[in-house]
N, C-alpha and C. Protein backbone atom coordinates (compact mmCIF):
# COMPACT_ATOMS: atom_id res chain seq x y z
N MET A 1 90.71 113.55 80.24
CA MET A 1 90.29 113.02 78.93
C MET A 1 89.34 111.87 79.02
N ALA A 2 88.10 112.09 78.65
CA ALA A 2 87.11 111.13 78.86
C ALA A 2 86.58 110.53 77.58
N ALA A 3 86.32 109.33 77.54
CA ALA A 3 85.93 108.63 76.34
C ALA A 3 84.51 109.04 76.09
N THR A 4 84.23 109.05 74.74
CA THR A 4 82.87 109.47 74.35
C THR A 4 82.08 108.50 73.68
N GLY A 5 82.63 107.15 73.75
CA GLY A 5 81.91 106.10 73.13
C GLY A 5 82.08 106.00 71.65
N ASN A 6 83.02 106.60 71.07
CA ASN A 6 83.23 106.49 69.52
C ASN A 6 84.06 105.35 69.12
N GLY A 7 84.43 104.46 70.09
CA GLY A 7 85.15 103.26 69.71
C GLY A 7 86.64 103.46 69.39
N ILE A 8 87.10 104.64 69.74
CA ILE A 8 88.63 104.95 69.40
C ILE A 8 89.24 105.29 70.73
N ALA A 9 90.56 104.74 70.76
CA ALA A 9 91.37 104.96 72.01
C ALA A 9 92.67 105.30 71.58
N VAL A 10 93.44 105.93 72.47
CA VAL A 10 94.80 106.35 72.35
C VAL A 10 95.63 105.57 73.41
N PHE A 11 96.47 104.70 72.99
CA PHE A 11 97.40 103.96 73.98
C PHE A 11 98.59 104.59 74.10
N SER A 12 99.20 104.80 75.19
CA SER A 12 100.54 105.42 75.38
C SER A 12 101.36 104.78 76.45
N ASP A 13 102.52 104.36 76.02
CA ASP A 13 103.53 104.08 77.04
C ASP A 13 103.84 105.40 77.92
N VAL A 14 104.51 105.07 79.09
CA VAL A 14 104.57 106.30 79.99
C VAL A 14 106.11 106.70 80.07
N ASP A 15 106.88 105.97 80.61
CA ASP A 15 108.34 106.36 80.83
C ASP A 15 109.04 106.63 79.56
N GLU A 16 109.60 107.90 79.48
CA GLU A 16 110.29 108.50 78.31
C GLU A 16 109.48 108.48 77.01
N THR A 17 108.16 108.36 77.27
CA THR A 17 107.13 108.55 76.20
C THR A 17 106.32 109.67 76.55
N LEU A 18 105.54 109.49 77.57
CA LEU A 18 104.58 110.54 78.05
C LEU A 18 105.40 111.39 79.05
N ILE A 19 106.13 110.87 79.87
CA ILE A 19 106.85 111.63 80.81
C ILE A 19 108.41 111.60 80.51
N ARG A 20 109.29 112.50 81.06
CA ARG A 20 110.57 112.66 80.51
C ARG A 20 111.44 111.52 81.36
N VAL A 21 111.05 111.03 82.43
CA VAL A 21 111.86 110.20 83.31
C VAL A 21 111.42 108.78 83.31
N LYS A 22 112.26 107.99 83.94
CA LYS A 22 111.96 106.54 84.18
C LYS A 22 111.31 106.49 85.57
N SER A 23 110.00 106.32 85.60
CA SER A 23 109.22 106.58 86.86
C SER A 23 109.69 105.46 87.90
N MET A 24 109.89 104.23 87.46
CA MET A 24 110.28 103.18 88.47
C MET A 24 111.45 103.44 89.28
N PHE A 25 112.51 103.94 88.45
CA PHE A 25 113.77 104.14 89.17
C PHE A 25 113.75 105.52 90.02
N ARG A 26 113.07 106.48 89.49
CA ARG A 26 113.02 107.68 90.24
C ARG A 26 112.19 107.59 91.53
N PHE A 27 111.11 106.66 91.36
CA PHE A 27 110.31 106.55 92.47
C PHE A 27 111.08 105.77 93.62
N LEU A 28 111.71 104.70 93.20
CA LEU A 28 112.46 103.82 94.07
C LEU A 28 113.49 104.75 94.82
N GLU A 29 114.23 105.66 94.18
CA GLU A 29 115.15 106.46 94.82
C GLU A 29 114.47 107.33 95.77
N PHE A 30 113.41 107.93 95.52
CA PHE A 30 112.55 108.87 96.31
C PHE A 30 112.16 108.11 97.50
N TYR A 31 111.53 107.02 97.34
CA TYR A 31 111.07 106.15 98.36
C TYR A 31 112.02 105.81 99.46
N LEU A 32 113.16 105.30 98.99
CA LEU A 32 114.17 104.83 99.85
C LEU A 32 114.75 105.98 100.67
N LYS A 33 114.91 107.16 99.96
CA LYS A 33 115.32 108.39 100.74
C LYS A 33 114.33 108.83 101.88
N ALA A 34 113.05 108.78 101.47
CA ALA A 34 112.04 109.16 102.36
C ALA A 34 111.95 108.16 103.51
N ARG A 35 112.38 106.93 103.34
CA ARG A 35 112.40 105.95 104.37
C ARG A 35 113.55 105.91 105.23
N GLY A 36 114.48 106.89 104.91
CA GLY A 36 115.72 107.08 105.63
C GLY A 36 116.87 106.30 105.21
N GLU A 37 116.88 105.61 104.06
CA GLU A 37 117.91 104.89 103.59
C GLU A 37 118.93 105.74 103.02
N PRO A 38 120.28 105.33 103.12
CA PRO A 38 121.36 106.08 102.55
C PRO A 38 121.40 105.93 101.10
N ALA A 39 121.96 106.91 100.29
CA ALA A 39 122.00 106.95 98.94
C ALA A 39 122.62 105.62 98.32
N GLU A 40 123.43 105.05 99.11
CA GLU A 40 124.13 103.74 98.63
C GLU A 40 123.22 102.65 98.47
N THR A 41 122.01 102.69 99.21
CA THR A 41 121.10 101.68 99.10
C THR A 41 120.39 101.68 97.73
N TYR A 42 120.03 102.87 97.27
CA TYR A 42 119.45 102.93 95.92
C TYR A 42 120.51 102.59 94.80
N GLU A 43 121.75 103.02 95.01
CA GLU A 43 122.76 102.68 94.05
C GLU A 43 123.09 101.26 93.91
N ARG A 44 123.04 100.50 95.10
CA ARG A 44 123.14 99.07 95.02
C ARG A 44 122.10 98.31 94.24
N LEU A 45 120.82 98.74 94.64
CA LEU A 45 119.61 98.16 93.98
C LEU A 45 119.56 98.40 92.50
N ALA A 46 119.75 99.64 92.20
CA ALA A 46 119.79 100.05 90.70
C ALA A 46 120.88 99.34 90.00
N GLY A 47 122.00 99.22 90.62
CA GLY A 47 123.11 98.51 90.06
C GLY A 47 122.83 97.12 89.77
N GLU A 48 122.11 96.38 90.67
CA GLU A 48 121.76 95.10 90.45
C GLU A 48 120.91 94.89 89.12
N LEU A 49 120.02 95.77 88.98
CA LEU A 49 119.16 95.66 87.80
C LEU A 49 120.03 96.02 86.53
N GLN A 50 120.79 97.00 86.63
CA GLN A 50 121.68 97.33 85.52
C GLN A 50 122.66 96.27 85.10
N THR A 51 123.15 95.56 86.08
CA THR A 51 124.07 94.56 85.78
C THR A 51 123.36 93.35 85.11
N ALA A 52 122.15 93.03 85.63
CA ALA A 52 121.34 92.04 84.98
C ALA A 52 121.05 92.26 83.60
N ALA A 53 120.72 93.53 83.27
CA ALA A 53 120.47 93.90 81.93
C ALA A 53 121.63 93.84 81.06
N LEU A 54 122.95 94.16 81.57
CA LEU A 54 124.14 93.97 80.73
C LEU A 54 124.36 92.53 80.49
N TRP A 55 124.07 91.55 81.52
CA TRP A 55 124.28 90.24 81.28
C TRP A 55 123.12 89.58 80.27
N GLY A 56 122.27 90.39 79.86
CA GLY A 56 121.21 89.91 78.82
C GLY A 56 119.91 89.37 79.43
N ALA A 57 119.65 89.69 80.71
CA ALA A 57 118.39 89.25 81.26
C ALA A 57 117.20 90.06 80.52
N PRO A 58 116.22 89.35 80.17
CA PRO A 58 115.02 90.01 79.46
C PRO A 58 114.34 91.05 80.34
N ARG A 59 113.85 92.06 79.53
CA ARG A 59 113.23 93.23 80.25
C ARG A 59 112.11 92.73 81.19
N SER A 60 111.44 91.70 80.88
CA SER A 60 110.35 91.15 81.77
C SER A 60 111.01 90.64 83.09
N GLU A 61 112.09 90.07 83.01
CA GLU A 61 112.71 89.53 84.24
C GLU A 61 113.20 90.67 85.04
N ILE A 62 113.80 91.78 84.41
CA ILE A 62 114.20 92.93 85.09
C ILE A 62 113.15 93.63 85.82
N ASN A 63 111.90 93.62 85.16
CA ASN A 63 110.69 94.12 85.77
C ASN A 63 110.30 93.29 87.00
N ARG A 64 110.33 92.01 86.91
CA ARG A 64 110.00 91.20 88.09
C ARG A 64 111.01 91.39 89.24
N ARG A 65 112.34 91.59 88.99
CA ARG A 65 113.23 91.75 89.98
C ARG A 65 113.12 93.04 90.74
N TYR A 66 112.61 94.11 89.95
CA TYR A 66 112.33 95.32 90.47
C TYR A 66 111.31 95.30 91.66
N TYR A 67 110.26 94.60 91.35
CA TYR A 67 109.21 94.58 92.38
C TYR A 67 109.66 93.75 93.63
N ARG A 68 110.49 92.95 93.50
CA ARG A 68 110.88 92.15 94.68
C ARG A 68 111.51 93.01 95.77
N PHE A 69 112.08 94.30 95.34
CA PHE A 69 112.52 95.25 96.32
C PHE A 69 111.51 95.69 97.23
N TYR A 70 110.17 95.58 96.88
CA TYR A 70 109.17 96.12 97.63
C TYR A 70 108.39 95.09 98.49
N ARG A 71 109.04 93.83 98.47
CA ARG A 71 108.36 92.76 99.48
C ARG A 71 108.22 93.23 100.87
N GLY A 72 106.94 93.12 101.42
CA GLY A 72 106.63 93.55 102.79
C GLY A 72 106.16 94.97 102.91
N GLU A 73 106.30 95.73 101.75
CA GLU A 73 105.94 97.13 101.86
C GLU A 73 104.42 97.30 101.89
N SER A 74 103.94 98.25 102.52
CA SER A 74 102.42 98.62 102.56
C SER A 74 101.98 99.18 101.21
N ALA A 75 100.96 98.65 100.61
CA ALA A 75 100.46 99.16 99.43
C ALA A 75 99.90 100.61 99.66
N ARG A 76 99.32 100.77 100.76
CA ARG A 76 98.74 102.15 101.07
C ARG A 76 99.94 103.15 101.18
N ARG A 77 100.96 102.85 101.89
CA ARG A 77 102.16 103.78 102.08
C ARG A 77 102.78 104.01 100.78
N LEU A 78 102.91 103.08 99.92
CA LEU A 78 103.36 103.15 98.53
C LEU A 78 102.62 104.18 97.82
N ALA A 79 101.31 104.03 97.75
CA ALA A 79 100.34 104.92 97.12
C ALA A 79 100.62 106.33 97.59
N GLU A 80 100.61 106.51 98.83
CA GLU A 80 100.82 107.86 99.33
C GLU A 80 102.12 108.49 98.97
N ALA A 81 103.15 107.68 99.03
CA ALA A 81 104.45 108.08 98.60
C ALA A 81 104.48 108.49 97.11
N GLY A 82 103.72 107.75 96.34
CA GLY A 82 103.63 108.03 94.91
C GLY A 82 103.13 109.38 94.61
N ARG A 83 102.19 109.90 95.39
CA ARG A 83 101.52 111.20 95.17
C ARG A 83 102.62 112.24 95.58
N ARG A 84 103.38 111.94 96.59
CA ARG A 84 104.40 113.02 97.00
C ARG A 84 105.48 113.01 96.00
N TRP A 85 105.80 111.79 95.52
CA TRP A 85 106.94 111.59 94.43
C TRP A 85 106.46 112.50 93.24
N PHE A 86 105.27 112.33 92.76
CA PHE A 86 104.74 113.11 91.69
C PHE A 86 104.87 114.56 91.82
N THR A 87 104.42 115.13 92.95
CA THR A 87 104.56 116.46 93.29
C THR A 87 105.95 116.96 93.28
N ALA A 88 106.88 116.08 93.78
CA ALA A 88 108.25 116.42 93.82
C ALA A 88 108.87 116.46 92.37
N GLU A 89 108.51 115.55 91.52
CA GLU A 89 108.98 115.59 90.19
C GLU A 89 108.56 116.66 89.47
N TRP A 90 107.20 117.14 89.65
CA TRP A 90 106.74 118.36 89.01
C TRP A 90 107.59 119.60 89.37
N ARG A 91 107.86 119.69 90.62
CA ARG A 91 108.68 120.83 91.18
C ARG A 91 110.17 120.81 90.66
N GLY A 92 110.56 119.57 90.46
CA GLY A 92 111.96 119.42 89.99
C GLY A 92 112.30 119.45 88.55
N CYS A 93 111.22 119.54 87.77
CA CYS A 93 111.35 119.63 86.20
C CYS A 93 111.01 120.88 85.75
N PRO A 94 112.06 121.77 85.58
CA PRO A 94 111.69 123.20 85.12
C PRO A 94 111.06 123.22 83.76
N ASP A 95 111.31 122.23 82.93
CA ASP A 95 110.77 122.15 81.59
C ASP A 95 109.47 121.42 81.61
N GLY A 96 109.01 121.01 82.75
CA GLY A 96 107.81 120.22 82.82
C GLY A 96 108.04 118.65 82.91
N LEU A 97 107.18 117.95 83.49
CA LEU A 97 107.31 116.47 83.55
C LEU A 97 107.04 115.77 82.29
N PHE A 98 105.88 116.15 81.73
CA PHE A 98 105.39 115.58 80.56
C PHE A 98 106.14 116.02 79.34
N VAL A 99 106.29 115.04 78.38
CA VAL A 99 106.93 115.35 77.09
C VAL A 99 106.01 116.22 76.23
N PRO A 100 106.31 117.44 75.92
CA PRO A 100 105.40 118.35 75.42
C PRO A 100 104.77 117.90 74.13
N GLU A 101 105.69 117.33 73.08
CA GLU A 101 105.19 116.90 71.87
C GLU A 101 104.05 115.71 71.99
N VAL A 102 104.26 114.89 72.97
CA VAL A 102 103.31 113.79 73.19
C VAL A 102 102.01 114.30 73.90
N GLU A 103 102.29 115.12 74.98
CA GLU A 103 101.17 115.77 75.60
C GLU A 103 100.26 116.56 74.70
N GLU A 104 100.82 117.20 73.77
CA GLU A 104 100.03 118.11 72.77
C GLU A 104 99.24 117.09 71.91
N GLU A 105 99.85 116.03 71.44
CA GLU A 105 99.02 115.11 70.55
C GLU A 105 97.91 114.59 71.30
N LEU A 106 98.23 114.06 72.56
CA LEU A 106 97.06 113.46 73.34
C LEU A 106 95.93 114.42 73.67
N THR A 107 96.37 115.64 73.93
CA THR A 107 95.33 116.72 74.19
C THR A 107 94.47 116.97 72.92
N ALA A 108 95.11 116.84 71.75
CA ALA A 108 94.44 117.04 70.46
C ALA A 108 93.39 115.92 70.31
N GLN A 109 93.60 114.82 70.82
CA GLN A 109 92.81 113.59 70.68
C GLN A 109 91.91 113.34 71.95
N SER A 110 91.47 114.54 72.59
CA SER A 110 90.82 114.38 73.81
C SER A 110 89.40 113.70 73.66
N LYS A 111 88.86 113.61 72.49
CA LYS A 111 87.62 113.00 72.29
C LYS A 111 87.75 111.49 72.39
N ASP A 112 88.98 110.98 72.36
CA ASP A 112 89.13 109.53 72.42
C ASP A 112 89.54 109.05 73.84
N ALA A 113 89.29 107.83 74.18
CA ALA A 113 89.79 107.38 75.38
C ALA A 113 91.26 107.29 75.37
N LEU A 114 91.86 107.61 76.60
CA LEU A 114 93.26 107.53 76.79
C LEU A 114 93.68 106.43 77.70
N VAL A 115 94.44 105.50 77.26
CA VAL A 115 94.84 104.22 77.91
C VAL A 115 96.36 104.29 78.18
N LEU A 116 96.89 104.31 79.45
CA LEU A 116 98.23 104.26 79.66
C LEU A 116 98.66 102.73 79.78
N VAL A 117 99.80 102.44 79.08
CA VAL A 117 100.29 101.15 79.10
C VAL A 117 101.76 101.05 79.53
N SER A 118 102.02 100.45 80.70
CA SER A 118 103.36 100.60 81.28
C SER A 118 103.77 99.45 82.16
N GLY A 119 105.06 99.27 82.20
CA GLY A 119 105.65 98.28 83.15
C GLY A 119 105.79 98.85 84.55
N SER A 120 105.47 100.10 84.74
CA SER A 120 105.48 100.67 86.03
C SER A 120 104.25 100.33 86.83
N PHE A 121 104.06 100.81 88.05
CA PHE A 121 102.88 100.38 88.95
C PHE A 121 102.20 101.42 89.55
N PHE A 122 101.16 101.04 90.32
CA PHE A 122 100.17 102.17 90.80
C PHE A 122 100.84 103.25 91.47
N ALA A 123 101.79 103.02 92.30
CA ALA A 123 102.45 104.17 93.02
C ALA A 123 102.79 105.31 92.12
N CYS A 124 103.42 105.00 91.02
CA CYS A 124 103.75 106.03 89.97
C CYS A 124 102.71 106.46 89.07
N LEU A 125 101.94 105.51 88.66
CA LEU A 125 100.92 105.72 87.53
C LEU A 125 99.64 106.35 87.97
N ASP A 126 99.18 106.13 89.15
CA ASP A 126 97.95 106.73 89.58
C ASP A 126 97.92 108.22 89.59
N PRO A 127 98.92 108.91 90.07
CA PRO A 127 98.95 110.22 90.00
C PRO A 127 99.12 110.81 88.55
N ILE A 128 99.91 110.18 87.78
CA ILE A 128 100.08 110.49 86.42
C ILE A 128 98.76 110.36 85.61
N ALA A 129 98.13 109.28 85.80
CA ALA A 129 96.87 109.12 85.11
C ALA A 129 95.88 110.20 85.46
N GLU A 130 95.77 110.42 86.75
CA GLU A 130 94.79 111.42 87.24
C GLU A 130 95.09 112.81 86.67
N ASP A 131 96.41 113.25 86.62
CA ASP A 131 96.84 114.52 86.11
C ASP A 131 96.49 114.61 84.63
N ILE A 132 96.82 113.67 83.84
CA ILE A 132 96.62 113.57 82.39
C ILE A 132 95.14 113.34 81.97
N GLY A 133 94.34 112.82 82.85
CA GLY A 133 92.99 112.54 82.53
C GLY A 133 92.87 111.21 81.91
N ALA A 134 93.70 110.15 82.18
CA ALA A 134 93.56 108.93 81.51
C ALA A 134 92.29 108.13 81.98
N ASP A 135 91.73 107.38 80.95
CA ASP A 135 90.51 106.60 81.25
C ASP A 135 90.74 105.22 81.85
N GLN A 136 92.00 104.76 81.60
CA GLN A 136 92.34 103.42 82.06
C GLN A 136 93.84 103.22 82.18
N VAL A 137 94.36 102.45 83.04
CA VAL A 137 95.82 102.18 83.13
C VAL A 137 96.01 100.64 83.01
N LEU A 138 96.79 100.20 82.07
CA LEU A 138 97.26 98.84 81.94
C LEU A 138 98.66 98.59 82.43
N ALA A 139 98.92 98.14 83.57
CA ALA A 139 100.19 98.21 84.11
C ALA A 139 100.65 96.83 84.73
N THR A 140 101.92 96.76 85.17
CA THR A 140 102.37 95.62 85.99
C THR A 140 101.62 95.68 87.30
N ARG A 141 101.12 94.63 87.68
CA ARG A 141 100.25 94.57 88.91
C ARG A 141 101.04 93.81 90.07
N PRO A 142 101.48 94.34 90.94
CA PRO A 142 102.26 93.71 92.12
C PRO A 142 101.17 92.86 92.89
N ARG A 143 101.47 91.65 93.38
CA ARG A 143 100.59 90.86 94.22
C ARG A 143 100.56 91.54 95.55
N VAL A 144 99.34 91.66 96.15
CA VAL A 144 99.10 92.22 97.38
C VAL A 144 98.44 91.19 98.34
N ARG A 145 99.07 91.00 99.54
CA ARG A 145 98.41 90.20 100.51
C ARG A 145 98.40 90.81 101.85
N ARG A 146 97.17 90.93 102.44
CA ARG A 146 97.03 91.70 103.67
C ARG A 146 97.57 92.99 103.67
N GLY A 147 97.37 93.67 102.44
CA GLY A 147 97.74 95.02 102.37
C GLY A 147 99.20 95.36 102.02
N GLU A 148 99.84 94.20 102.05
CA GLU A 148 101.38 94.28 101.79
C GLU A 148 101.82 93.65 100.42
N LEU A 149 102.75 94.29 99.77
CA LEU A 149 103.31 93.65 98.49
C LEU A 149 104.03 92.31 98.83
N THR A 150 103.80 91.29 98.04
CA THR A 150 104.50 90.10 98.27
C THR A 150 105.91 90.01 97.60
N GLY A 151 106.21 91.10 96.59
CA GLY A 151 107.38 90.96 95.89
C GLY A 151 107.21 90.33 94.59
N GLU A 152 106.02 89.77 94.35
CA GLU A 152 105.80 89.05 93.04
C GLU A 152 104.78 89.87 92.32
N VAL A 153 104.72 89.61 90.89
CA VAL A 153 103.69 90.33 90.10
C VAL A 153 102.91 89.36 89.37
N LEU A 154 101.79 89.80 88.84
CA LEU A 154 101.03 88.98 87.96
C LEU A 154 101.67 88.62 86.68
N VAL A 155 101.68 89.74 85.80
CA VAL A 155 102.34 89.64 84.56
C VAL A 155 103.09 90.97 84.20
N PRO A 156 104.38 90.99 84.08
CA PRO A 156 105.07 92.22 83.79
C PRO A 156 104.53 92.79 82.46
N MET A 157 104.14 94.01 82.56
CA MET A 157 103.49 94.73 81.35
C MET A 157 104.67 95.16 80.49
N ILE A 158 105.40 94.09 79.87
CA ILE A 158 106.53 94.41 79.06
C ILE A 158 106.47 93.73 77.74
N GLY A 159 106.84 94.27 76.68
CA GLY A 159 106.90 93.57 75.39
C GLY A 159 105.63 93.01 74.85
N ALA A 160 105.50 91.64 74.66
CA ALA A 160 104.30 91.10 74.09
C ALA A 160 103.17 91.27 75.04
N ALA A 161 103.36 91.42 76.37
CA ALA A 161 102.24 91.59 77.21
C ALA A 161 101.58 92.91 76.95
N LYS A 162 102.21 93.89 76.43
CA LYS A 162 101.58 95.19 76.14
C LYS A 162 100.58 94.98 74.88
N GLY A 163 101.10 94.20 73.87
CA GLY A 163 100.28 93.97 72.78
C GLY A 163 98.98 93.16 73.19
N ARG A 164 99.27 92.14 73.98
CA ARG A 164 97.95 91.43 74.36
C ARG A 164 97.03 92.26 75.15
N ALA A 165 97.62 93.13 76.06
CA ALA A 165 96.74 93.97 76.86
C ALA A 165 95.94 94.94 76.00
N VAL A 166 96.57 95.49 74.97
CA VAL A 166 95.87 96.46 73.97
C VAL A 166 94.73 95.69 73.27
N GLN A 167 95.09 94.40 72.84
CA GLN A 167 93.95 93.68 72.24
C GLN A 167 92.92 93.28 73.12
N ALA A 168 93.18 92.95 74.36
CA ALA A 168 92.07 92.67 75.27
C ALA A 168 91.29 93.89 75.62
N ALA A 169 91.85 95.07 75.82
CA ALA A 169 91.13 96.33 75.95
C ALA A 169 90.27 96.53 74.74
N GLY A 170 90.73 96.27 73.61
CA GLY A 170 89.96 96.56 72.45
C GLY A 170 88.73 95.63 72.40
N ALA A 171 88.86 94.32 72.76
CA ALA A 171 87.74 93.44 72.89
C ALA A 171 86.73 93.74 73.91
N VAL A 172 87.21 94.05 75.16
CA VAL A 172 86.35 94.21 76.26
C VAL A 172 85.63 95.65 76.14
N ARG A 173 86.32 96.67 75.66
CA ARG A 173 85.74 97.96 75.65
C ARG A 173 85.19 98.41 74.31
N GLY A 174 85.35 97.55 73.35
CA GLY A 174 84.67 97.77 72.01
C GLY A 174 85.54 98.70 71.14
N PHE A 175 86.76 98.90 71.38
CA PHE A 175 87.62 99.77 70.59
C PHE A 175 87.90 99.16 69.27
N ASP A 176 87.75 99.98 68.25
CA ASP A 176 88.18 99.56 66.87
C ASP A 176 89.66 99.82 66.75
N LEU A 177 90.54 98.82 66.94
CA LEU A 177 91.88 99.04 67.02
C LEU A 177 92.48 99.52 65.77
N ALA A 178 91.84 99.20 64.65
CA ALA A 178 92.30 99.79 63.41
C ALA A 178 92.31 101.26 63.24
N ARG A 179 91.43 101.93 64.21
CA ARG A 179 91.27 103.37 64.14
C ARG A 179 92.00 103.98 65.40
N CYS A 180 92.64 103.16 66.12
CA CYS A 180 93.27 103.72 67.32
C CYS A 180 94.77 104.01 67.02
N SER A 181 95.32 104.86 68.03
CA SER A 181 96.71 105.20 67.90
C SER A 181 97.40 104.63 69.20
N ALA A 182 98.79 104.54 68.97
CA ALA A 182 99.61 104.06 70.08
C ALA A 182 100.99 104.78 70.09
N TYR A 183 101.48 105.27 71.12
CA TYR A 183 102.74 106.01 71.36
C TYR A 183 103.72 105.16 72.13
N GLY A 184 104.85 104.89 71.63
CA GLY A 184 105.97 104.17 72.35
C GLY A 184 107.36 104.75 72.02
N ASP A 185 108.30 104.54 72.74
CA ASP A 185 109.60 105.08 72.53
C ASP A 185 110.67 104.00 72.40
N HIS A 186 110.34 102.79 72.61
CA HIS A 186 111.44 101.72 72.60
C HIS A 186 111.01 100.48 71.80
N LEU A 187 111.96 99.72 71.29
CA LEU A 187 111.69 98.48 70.56
C LEU A 187 110.73 97.55 71.30
N SER A 188 110.78 97.56 72.56
CA SER A 188 109.91 96.64 73.27
C SER A 188 108.46 97.10 73.25
N ASP A 189 108.24 98.33 72.76
CA ASP A 189 106.73 98.62 72.57
C ASP A 189 106.19 98.24 71.26
N LEU A 190 107.00 97.59 70.46
CA LEU A 190 106.53 97.09 69.17
C LEU A 190 105.16 96.37 69.15
N PRO A 191 105.02 95.41 70.09
CA PRO A 191 103.67 94.65 70.14
C PRO A 191 102.58 95.49 70.31
N MET A 192 102.62 96.58 71.15
CA MET A 192 101.58 97.36 71.32
C MET A 192 101.31 98.39 70.06
N LEU A 193 102.42 98.81 69.48
CA LEU A 193 102.35 99.70 68.40
C LEU A 193 101.66 98.91 67.13
N GLN A 194 102.08 97.63 67.03
CA GLN A 194 101.62 96.75 66.04
C GLN A 194 100.09 96.35 66.09
N ALA A 195 99.59 96.55 67.33
CA ALA A 195 98.15 96.22 67.60
C ALA A 195 97.25 97.26 67.10
N VAL A 196 97.55 98.56 66.64
CA VAL A 196 96.72 99.58 66.38
C VAL A 196 97.04 99.97 64.92
N GLY A 197 96.06 100.75 64.42
CA GLY A 197 96.15 101.30 63.02
C GLY A 197 97.06 102.47 62.82
N ARG A 198 97.27 103.17 63.88
CA ARG A 198 98.15 104.29 63.81
C ARG A 198 99.32 104.31 64.87
N PRO A 199 100.37 103.66 64.56
CA PRO A 199 101.33 103.64 65.64
C PRO A 199 102.28 104.87 65.41
N VAL A 200 102.81 105.29 66.55
CA VAL A 200 103.64 106.52 66.51
C VAL A 200 104.98 106.18 67.35
N ALA A 201 106.03 106.35 66.76
CA ALA A 201 107.30 106.15 67.22
C ALA A 201 107.84 107.42 67.85
N VAL A 202 107.92 107.51 69.24
CA VAL A 202 108.28 108.72 69.88
C VAL A 202 109.83 108.68 70.21
N GLY A 203 110.51 109.81 70.06
CA GLY A 203 111.82 110.04 70.41
C GLY A 203 112.81 109.51 69.32
N ASN A 204 114.01 109.14 69.73
CA ASN A 204 115.00 108.91 68.79
C ASN A 204 115.69 107.52 68.87
N ASP A 205 115.07 106.66 69.50
CA ASP A 205 115.58 105.18 69.62
C ASP A 205 115.85 104.71 68.26
N THR A 206 117.06 104.32 67.96
CA THR A 206 117.62 103.95 66.58
C THR A 206 116.83 102.80 66.00
N GLU A 207 116.80 101.68 66.75
CA GLU A 207 116.16 100.54 66.40
C GLU A 207 114.64 100.73 66.13
N LEU A 208 113.96 101.48 66.93
CA LEU A 208 112.49 101.68 66.76
C LEU A 208 112.33 102.63 65.46
N THR A 209 113.24 103.66 65.38
CA THR A 209 113.12 104.51 64.25
C THR A 209 113.35 103.76 62.89
N VAL A 210 114.18 102.93 62.83
CA VAL A 210 114.46 102.18 61.63
C VAL A 210 113.28 101.29 61.28
N HIS A 211 112.62 100.66 62.32
CA HIS A 211 111.50 99.93 62.09
C HIS A 211 110.26 100.69 61.62
N ALA A 212 110.20 101.84 62.31
CA ALA A 212 109.02 102.80 61.96
C ALA A 212 109.06 103.28 60.59
N GLN A 213 110.29 103.60 60.17
CA GLN A 213 110.58 104.05 58.77
C GLN A 213 110.20 103.13 57.70
N ARG A 214 110.65 101.79 58.05
CA ARG A 214 110.31 100.68 57.00
C ARG A 214 108.84 100.41 56.94
N ALA A 215 108.12 100.59 58.13
CA ALA A 215 106.75 100.20 58.09
C ALA A 215 105.87 101.44 57.75
N GLY A 216 106.53 102.63 57.58
CA GLY A 216 105.77 103.76 57.23
C GLY A 216 104.94 104.29 58.41
N TRP A 217 105.37 104.16 59.65
CA TRP A 217 104.79 104.77 60.75
C TRP A 217 105.06 106.20 60.92
N VAL A 218 104.22 106.84 61.89
CA VAL A 218 104.43 108.18 62.21
C VAL A 218 105.61 108.40 63.09
N LEU A 219 106.54 109.23 62.85
CA LEU A 219 107.61 109.54 63.68
C LEU A 219 107.50 110.85 64.55
N LEU A 220 107.76 110.81 65.79
CA LEU A 220 107.43 112.05 66.58
C LEU A 220 108.70 112.23 67.35
N PRO A 221 109.64 112.95 66.78
CA PRO A 221 110.91 113.43 67.60
C PRO A 221 110.48 114.16 68.65
N THR A 222 111.33 114.10 69.77
CA THR A 222 111.13 114.98 70.96
C THR A 222 112.42 115.64 71.38
N GLY A 223 112.18 116.53 72.34
CA GLY A 223 113.40 117.23 72.91
C GLY A 223 113.77 118.53 72.18
N SER A 224 113.01 118.76 71.17
CA SER A 224 113.48 120.09 70.44
C SER A 224 112.66 121.36 70.98
N ARG A 225 111.67 121.10 71.78
CA ARG A 225 110.90 122.24 72.31
C ARG A 225 110.86 122.15 73.84
N ARG A 226 110.68 123.41 74.47
CA ARG A 226 110.53 123.52 75.90
C ARG A 226 109.22 124.15 76.25
N ARG A 227 108.62 123.75 77.30
CA ARG A 227 107.38 124.38 77.71
C ARG A 227 107.70 125.72 78.39
């Protein structure tokens, strides 16, 4: 999907909006297994994040904690593993990795620039962006020093950061945000959705659906069709 210079973009969240799975968790499990770690390692790390969430840690803090798991890991090896992970996900999803309702809408808007906005990172997002034909990816950026991840990130692409990123992309690339669309599946996507003229609430998240109905936004239920 290549931009044509018409000043219109489609912004889309990725996990459980564009694709069916949570890429960060699925990739972590895949990467640890490929590295020879026992299943208990993933269960422990994922459990730490889930416990933090239950105790009320903000999603942005959960995002930061996730990337600390990769401290000292090679950025190159992570990128290579990401491509293998993407291939494995395709083979393991009999109904397709992409959410068909969203993929269909994005394809219909192929004349517009496609910008992915996600708290995930390059290992997961680069192969997804390449496959869907995205023009740009706005994501959480892990800090890299001498080719290795430090465990820290610049800014978690969560919540308000998504809204700021969309506004910045509009200013830098000349998008008329009032004519742009955005797709999100969770209440934390509100800042991104509120930044454009055509917000689309994807899926069946109760809080987001209620807000979308009150605001008169487009609702796009998912899960009723199979590819």
